[in-house]
Amino acid sequence: MKNLARKDRLARRKLLYSLLGDLPDNKKPIRSRLVATEQHDGYTLERISLEVNGLEHVPALFVKPSTGSGPFPTVLYNHAHGGGHTIGKRELIVQRDGIQGPYGIELAKRGIASICIDQWNFGERFCRPEAQVFKEMLWKGRVLWGMMVFDNLRALEYLCTRSDVDASRIATMGLSMGSTMAWWTAALDERVKVTVDMCCMTDFHELIVTQGLDGHGIYYYVPSLLKHFDTVGINALIAPRSHLSLNGDYDPLTPPAGLNRIDRELKKIYKAEGHPEAWSSFREQHGHFETAEMRAAVLGWLDRWL
């Protein structure tokens, strides 16, 4: 895929957004309510309730360094799925399987703030089986992934209103479902300056070839997406902004042939944009989890680009 002129990129971004179903009004003011503030060793934790979609409140955790007033570089962190519907945003501050340790605490100690929201039907928003949520939304013209992405983009909007957040230094990241959310969010909003995705840079067509579609939950599937976009096409909308992708060659959700193609094509795109150093693919011989080497690479990338 060739590099895109700015007007073409904007048109493609608009098209991608249009595939996400009947979305709420994204022009309405965002309201926030501070539920509680907690002081911990090395960081301050805020429990927040956001009103972003006109349908239900979105609980969020905001973590910032305990020293200094900012504005801080900030990570929009996206929690994983893994069937852990009751975990949600708490992944930012508690240990869960597949991740080396909670990023919110580690980032705060490095002078970086972070936020994570409960996605639809996760954490405090968990209420029923995922398939039921998907089916009801489909009847109403909505797409579950679209509603998730919408709330995440609004969380980004909220971040940009905070005086303790440096809106010019915002990154997004996550593992598994959070990985996919990271590259969709960055593709749709240029205010994201740094993207880090772990264990879910899935080439859609290669996933079909390897018969791996059931590896992703039903939330993942967007009607008519493949008529207009492949994985490279979405990620091309991030270029030339900084992007690190980390994956395991034994992960069934990221077939190696697909990773090879994505890396090859994005290298061409970033080179054509004049920023070949801003794209990096980190690969290891393991499955669907973060390793210590991946953690070091992520932190190094954030130190360099954020």
Protein backbone atom coordinates (compact mmCIF):
# COMPACT_ATOMS: atom_id res chain seq x y z
CA MET A 1 0.00 0.00 0.00
CA LYS A 2 1.46 3.34 -1.02
CA ASN A 3 1.77 6.22 1.40
CA LEU A 4 -1.25 8.51 1.52
CA ALA A 5 -1.52 12.25 1.01
CA ARG A 6 -3.08 14.00 4.00
CA LYS A 7 -6.47 14.50 2.32
CA ASP A 8 -6.55 10.84 1.31
CA ARG A 9 -5.64 9.79 4.84
CA LEU A 10 -8.48 11.91 6.24
CA ALA A 11 -10.92 10.37 3.78
CA ARG A 12 -9.78 6.85 4.68
CA ARG A 13 -10.05 7.67 8.37
CA LYS A 14 -13.60 8.91 7.84
CA LEU A 15 -14.46 5.73 5.97
CA LEU A 16 -13.02 3.53 8.72
CA TYR A 17 -15.05 5.39 11.34
CA SER A 18 -18.22 5.00 9.26
CA LEU A 19 -17.93 1.20 9.40
CA LEU A 20 -18.35 1.22 13.19
CA GLY A 21 -22.15 1.31 13.14
CA ASP A 22 -24.58 3.88 14.51
CA LEU A 23 -22.43 5.72 17.03
CA PRO A 24 -23.46 8.31 19.64
CA ASP A 25 -22.90 12.02 19.10
CA ASN A 26 -19.20 12.71 19.56
CA LYS A 27 -19.74 16.46 19.81
CA LYS A 28 -21.57 16.45 23.12
CA PRO A 29 -19.53 17.78 26.06
CA ILE A 30 -17.84 15.14 28.17
CA ARG A 31 -18.74 15.23 31.83
CA SER A 32 -16.53 13.74 34.51
CA ARG A 33 -16.98 13.09 38.19
CA LEU A 34 -14.13 12.38 40.60
CA VAL A 35 -15.29 9.46 42.73
CA ALA A 36 -12.21 9.08 44.93
CA THR A 37 -8.52 9.94 45.17
CA GLU A 38 -5.99 7.57 46.72
CA GLN A 39 -2.34 8.12 47.58
CA HIS A 40 -0.04 5.17 47.04
CA ASP A 41 3.71 4.60 47.04
CA GLY A 42 4.96 6.50 44.00
CA TYR A 43 1.60 7.35 42.45
CA THR A 44 -1.77 9.00 42.92
CA LEU A 45 -4.86 7.09 41.82
CA GLU A 46 -8.09 8.79 40.79
CA ARG A 47 -11.32 6.86 40.38
CA ILE A 48 -13.44 8.67 37.82
CA SER A 49 -16.85 8.34 36.25
CA LEU A 50 -17.07 9.64 32.68
CA GLU A 51 -20.19 10.54 30.74
CA VAL A 52 -19.13 10.10 27.12
CA ASN A 53 -21.80 8.21 25.15
CA GLY A 54 -25.21 9.26 26.52
CA LEU A 55 -26.06 5.66 27.33
CA GLU A 56 -24.13 4.60 30.42
CA HIS A 57 -21.42 6.00 32.64
CA VAL A 58 -17.86 4.84 31.94
CA PRO A 59 -15.73 4.12 35.02
CA ALA A 60 -12.04 4.97 34.64
CA LEU A 61 -8.80 4.87 36.59
CA PHE A 62 -6.30 7.70 36.20
CA VAL A 63 -2.80 7.18 37.59
CA LYS A 64 -0.17 9.93 37.84
CA PRO A 65 3.19 10.38 39.54
CA SER A 66 2.87 11.32 43.20
CA THR A 67 5.44 14.09 42.78
CA GLY A 68 5.13 17.05 40.44
CA SER A 69 2.05 18.75 39.08
CA GLY A 70 2.58 18.01 35.40
CA PRO A 71 1.56 18.34 32.72
CA PHE A 72 2.67 14.73 32.33
CA PRO A 73 3.14 12.66 29.21
CA THR A 74 0.21 10.25 29.36
CA VAL A 75 -0.66 6.75 28.15
CA LEU A 76 -4.20 5.83 27.15
CA TYR A 77 -3.99 2.22 28.31
CA ASN A 78 -6.36 -0.39 26.88
CA HIS A 79 -7.15 -3.46 28.95
CA ALA A 80 -7.12 -6.99 27.58
CA HIS A 81 -10.02 -9.43 27.19
CA GLY A 82 -8.89 -12.99 27.96
CA GLY A 83 -12.36 -13.78 29.32
CA GLY A 84 -11.58 -11.56 32.30
CA HIS A 85 -14.75 -9.50 32.14
CA THR A 86 -14.55 -8.62 35.83
CA ILE A 87 -10.98 -7.27 35.55
CA GLY A 88 -11.35 -4.47 33.02
CA LYS A 89 -9.64 -1.22 33.97
CA ARG A 90 -8.09 -2.73 37.11
CA GLU A 91 -5.45 -4.25 34.82
CA LEU A 92 -3.80 -0.83 34.99
CA ILE A 93 -2.94 -1.30 38.67
CA VAL A 94 -3.20 -5.04 39.47
CA GLN A 95 -1.38 -8.13 38.21
CA ARG A 96 -3.11 -10.33 35.65
CA ASP A 97 -2.01 -13.36 33.66
CA GLY A 98 -0.02 -12.72 30.50
CA ILE A 99 1.39 -9.34 31.54
CA GLN A 100 4.66 -8.76 33.39
CA GLY A 101 3.10 -6.35 35.86
CA PRO A 102 0.68 -3.42 36.07
CA TYR A 103 1.77 -0.69 33.69
CA GLY A 104 0.08 2.17 35.54
CA ILE A 105 2.36 1.84 38.54
CA GLU A 106 5.54 1.36 36.50
CA LEU A 107 4.77 4.29 34.22
CA ALA A 108 4.05 6.61 37.15
CA LYS A 109 7.48 5.86 38.59
CA ARG A 110 8.93 6.94 35.23
CA GLY A 111 7.06 10.25 35.28
CA ILE A 112 4.24 9.15 32.97
CA ALA A 113 0.52 9.33 33.76
CA SER A 114 -2.02 6.80 32.44
CA ILE A 115 -5.73 6.18 32.16
CA CYS A 116 -7.80 3.05 31.53
CA ILE A 117 -11.56 2.80 31.12
CA ASP A 118 -13.84 -0.18 31.59
CA GLN A 119 -14.83 -1.16 28.09
CA TRP A 120 -18.39 -2.20 27.29
CA ASN A 121 -19.34 -5.22 29.43
CA PHE A 122 -16.08 -5.23 31.40
CA GLY A 123 -15.28 -4.34 34.99
CA GLU A 124 -18.04 -2.28 36.57
CA ARG A 125 -19.92 -2.41 33.25
CA PHE A 126 -20.06 -6.20 33.15
CA CYS A 127 -23.66 -7.40 33.18
CA ARG A 128 -24.28 -10.35 30.81
CA PRO A 129 -22.71 -12.66 28.21
CA GLU A 130 -20.80 -10.85 25.49
CA ALA A 131 -22.81 -12.48 22.70
CA GLN A 132 -26.02 -11.01 24.10
CA VAL A 133 -24.56 -7.50 24.09
CA PHE A 134 -23.31 -7.99 20.52
CA LYS A 135 -26.66 -9.29 19.26
CA GLU A 136 -28.74 -6.55 20.84
CA MET A 137 -26.44 -3.88 19.47
CA LEU A 138 -26.57 -5.44 16.00
CA TRP A 139 -30.38 -5.28 16.02
CA LYS A 140 -30.12 -1.59 16.87
CA GLY A 141 -27.63 -0.85 14.10
CA ARG A 142 -24.68 -0.74 16.43
CA VAL A 143 -21.41 -2.66 16.39
CA LEU A 144 -19.91 -3.72 19.72
CA TRP A 145 -16.35 -2.95 18.59
CA GLY A 146 -17.54 0.39 17.27
CA MET A 147 -19.03 1.32 20.63
CA MET A 148 -15.81 0.28 22.36
CA VAL A 149 -13.69 2.37 20.01
CA PHE A 150 -16.07 5.31 20.42
CA ASP A 151 -15.70 5.30 24.21
CA ASN A 152 -11.93 5.06 23.87
CA LEU A 153 -11.76 8.04 21.53
CA ARG A 154 -13.87 10.01 23.98
CA ALA A 155 -11.53 9.01 26.81
CA LEU A 156 -8.74 10.49 24.68
CA GLU A 157 -10.82 13.65 24.31
CA TYR A 158 -11.19 13.78 28.08
CA LEU A 159 -7.43 13.43 28.58
CA CYS A 160 -6.83 16.45 26.39
CA THR A 161 -8.98 18.60 28.72
CA ARG A 162 -6.91 17.85 31.83
CA SER A 163 -4.40 20.47 32.94
CA ASP A 164 -2.09 17.77 34.33
CA VAL A 165 -1.89 16.00 30.95
CA ASP A 166 0.50 17.09 28.20
CA ALA A 167 -1.85 16.76 25.21
CA SER A 168 1.11 16.88 22.84
CA ARG A 169 2.61 13.74 24.41
CA ILE A 170 -0.09 11.07 24.45
CA ALA A 171 0.54 7.39 23.73
CA THR A 172 -1.82 4.45 23.54
CA MET A 173 -1.00 0.83 24.26
CA GLY A 174 -2.33 -2.54 25.35
CA LEU A 175 -2.09 -6.31 25.02
CA SER A 176 -4.44 -8.63 23.13
CA MET A 177 -7.80 -6.83 22.80
CA GLY A 178 -5.99 -3.80 24.21
CA SER A 179 -3.44 -4.10 21.42
CA THR A 180 -6.12 -3.97 18.74
CA MET A 181 -7.75 -1.05 20.50
CA ALA A 182 -4.42 0.79 20.51
CA TRP A 183 -3.91 0.63 16.75
CA TRP A 184 -7.53 1.39 15.93
CA THR A 185 -7.50 4.41 18.26
CA ALA A 186 -4.25 5.75 16.83
CA ALA A 187 -5.44 5.18 13.27
CA LEU A 188 -8.56 7.25 13.92
CA ASP A 189 -7.08 10.11 15.96
CA GLU A 190 -3.85 11.94 15.23
CA ARG A 191 -3.61 13.24 18.78
CA VAL A 192 -2.05 9.88 19.62
CA LYS A 193 1.67 10.43 19.09
CA VAL A 194 2.97 6.98 20.12
CA THR A 195 1.38 3.55 19.59
CA VAL A 196 2.49 0.33 21.27
CA ASP A 197 0.61 -2.89 20.54
CA MET A 198 1.37 -6.26 22.11
CA CYS A 199 0.27 -9.70 20.95
CA CYS A 200 -2.51 -8.80 18.54
CA MET A 201 -1.20 -7.36 15.28
CA THR A 202 -3.44 -9.77 13.42
CA ASP A 203 -3.42 -9.92 9.63
CA PHE A 204 -7.12 -10.46 8.90
CA HIS A 205 -6.67 -12.43 5.70
CA GLU A 206 -3.97 -14.67 7.15
CA LEU A 207 -6.23 -15.39 10.13
CA ILE A 208 -8.82 -16.71 7.67
CA VAL A 209 -6.19 -18.84 5.93
CA THR A 210 -5.08 -20.38 9.24
CA GLN A 211 -8.70 -20.87 10.36
CA GLY A 212 -8.09 -18.83 13.48
CA LEU A 213 -11.23 -16.70 13.51
CA ASP A 214 -12.56 -18.26 16.70
CA GLY A 215 -9.45 -17.10 18.55
CA HIS A 216 -10.98 -13.63 18.74
CA GLY A 217 -14.21 -12.91 20.59
CA ILE A 218 -17.34 -11.86 18.73
CA TYR A 219 -16.67 -8.25 19.77
CA TYR A 220 -13.79 -8.15 17.26
CA TYR A 221 -15.79 -8.40 14.06
CA VAL A 222 -16.90 -5.33 12.12
CA PRO A 223 -19.39 -5.77 9.24
CA SER A 224 -17.99 -5.10 5.75
CA LEU A 225 -14.53 -4.23 7.09
CA LEU A 226 -12.67 -6.41 4.60
CA LYS A 227 -14.43 -4.71 1.67
CA HIS A 228 -12.43 -1.59 2.45
CA PHE A 229 -9.51 -2.34 4.79
CA ASP A 230 -6.92 -4.92 5.65
CA THR A 231 -4.69 -4.71 8.71
CA VAL A 232 -1.99 -2.80 6.83
CA GLY A 233 -4.59 -0.33 5.58
CA ILE A 234 -5.69 0.55 9.10
CA ASN A 235 -2.17 0.80 10.48
CA ALA A 236 -1.04 2.91 7.52
CA LEU A 237 -3.25 5.65 8.97
CA ILE A 238 -0.90 5.85 11.96
CA ALA A 239 2.16 6.64 9.83
CA PRO A 240 4.42 8.54 10.18
CA ARG A 241 3.75 8.64 13.95
CA SER A 242 5.76 6.36 16.22
CA HIS A 243 4.58 2.74 16.33
CA LEU A 244 6.05 -0.33 18.04
CA SER A 245 4.41 -3.73 17.51
CA LEU A 246 5.43 -6.71 19.67
CA ASN A 247 4.29 -10.26 18.92
CA GLY A 248 5.07 -13.93 19.46
CA ASP A 249 5.58 -16.24 16.50
CA TYR A 250 3.77 -19.06 18.33
CA ASP A 251 0.68 -16.96 19.01
CA PRO A 252 -2.27 -18.32 16.98
CA LEU A 253 -3.85 -14.86 16.94
CA THR A 254 -0.90 -13.40 15.01
CA PRO A 255 0.08 -15.86 12.25
CA PRO A 256 3.77 -15.32 11.34
CA ALA A 257 3.09 -14.99 7.61
CA GLY A 258 0.74 -12.12 8.40
CA LEU A 259 3.29 -10.46 10.67
CA ASN A 260 5.86 -10.72 7.89
CA ARG A 261 3.53 -9.03 5.43
CA ILE A 262 2.54 -6.25 7.83
CA ASP A 263 6.17 -5.51 8.71
CA ARG A 264 7.22 -5.51 5.06
CA GLU A 265 4.44 -3.15 3.97
CA LEU A 266 4.67 -0.76 6.91
CA LYS A 267 8.42 -0.48 6.46
CA LYS A 268 7.74 0.72 2.92
CA ILE A 269 5.12 3.19 4.10
CA TYR A 270 7.25 4.66 6.89
CA LYS A 271 10.23 4.92 4.55
CA ALA A 272 8.13 6.74 1.98
CA GLU A 273 6.95 9.09 4.75
CA GLY A 274 10.58 9.86 5.58
CA HIS A 275 10.48 8.28 9.05
CA PRO A 276 11.64 4.66 8.77
CA GLU A 277 12.84 4.72 12.38
CA ALA A 278 9.31 5.38 13.69
CA TRP A 279 8.07 1.86 12.88
CA SER A 280 9.44 -1.24 14.61
CA SER A 281 8.32 -4.87 14.75
CA PHE A 282 9.59 -6.84 17.76
CA ARG A 283 9.26 -10.63 17.43
CA GLU A 284 10.01 -13.50 19.79
CA GLN A 285 9.52 -17.26 19.78
CA HIS A 286 6.61 -17.45 22.23
CA GLY A 287 2.85 -17.30 22.46
CA HIS A 288 0.17 -14.86 23.57
CA PHE A 289 1.84 -13.11 26.51
CA GLU A 290 4.27 -10.34 27.40
CA THR A 291 7.85 -11.35 28.21
CA ALA A 292 10.47 -9.47 30.22
CA GLU A 293 12.23 -8.66 26.94
CA MET A 294 9.03 -7.18 25.54
CA ARG A 295 8.55 -5.09 28.65
CA ALA A 296 12.06 -3.68 28.30
CA ALA A 297 11.42 -2.90 24.63
CA VAL A 298 8.15 -1.13 25.44
CA LEU A 299 9.68 1.04 28.14
CA GLY A 300 12.65 1.84 25.93
CA TRP A 301 10.30 2.89 23.12
CA LEU A 302 8.27 5.14 25.40
CA ASP A 303 11.47 6.70 26.78
CA ARG A 304 12.58 7.43 23.23
CA TRP A 305 9.35 8.68 21.66
CA LEU A 306 7.08 9.94 24.44
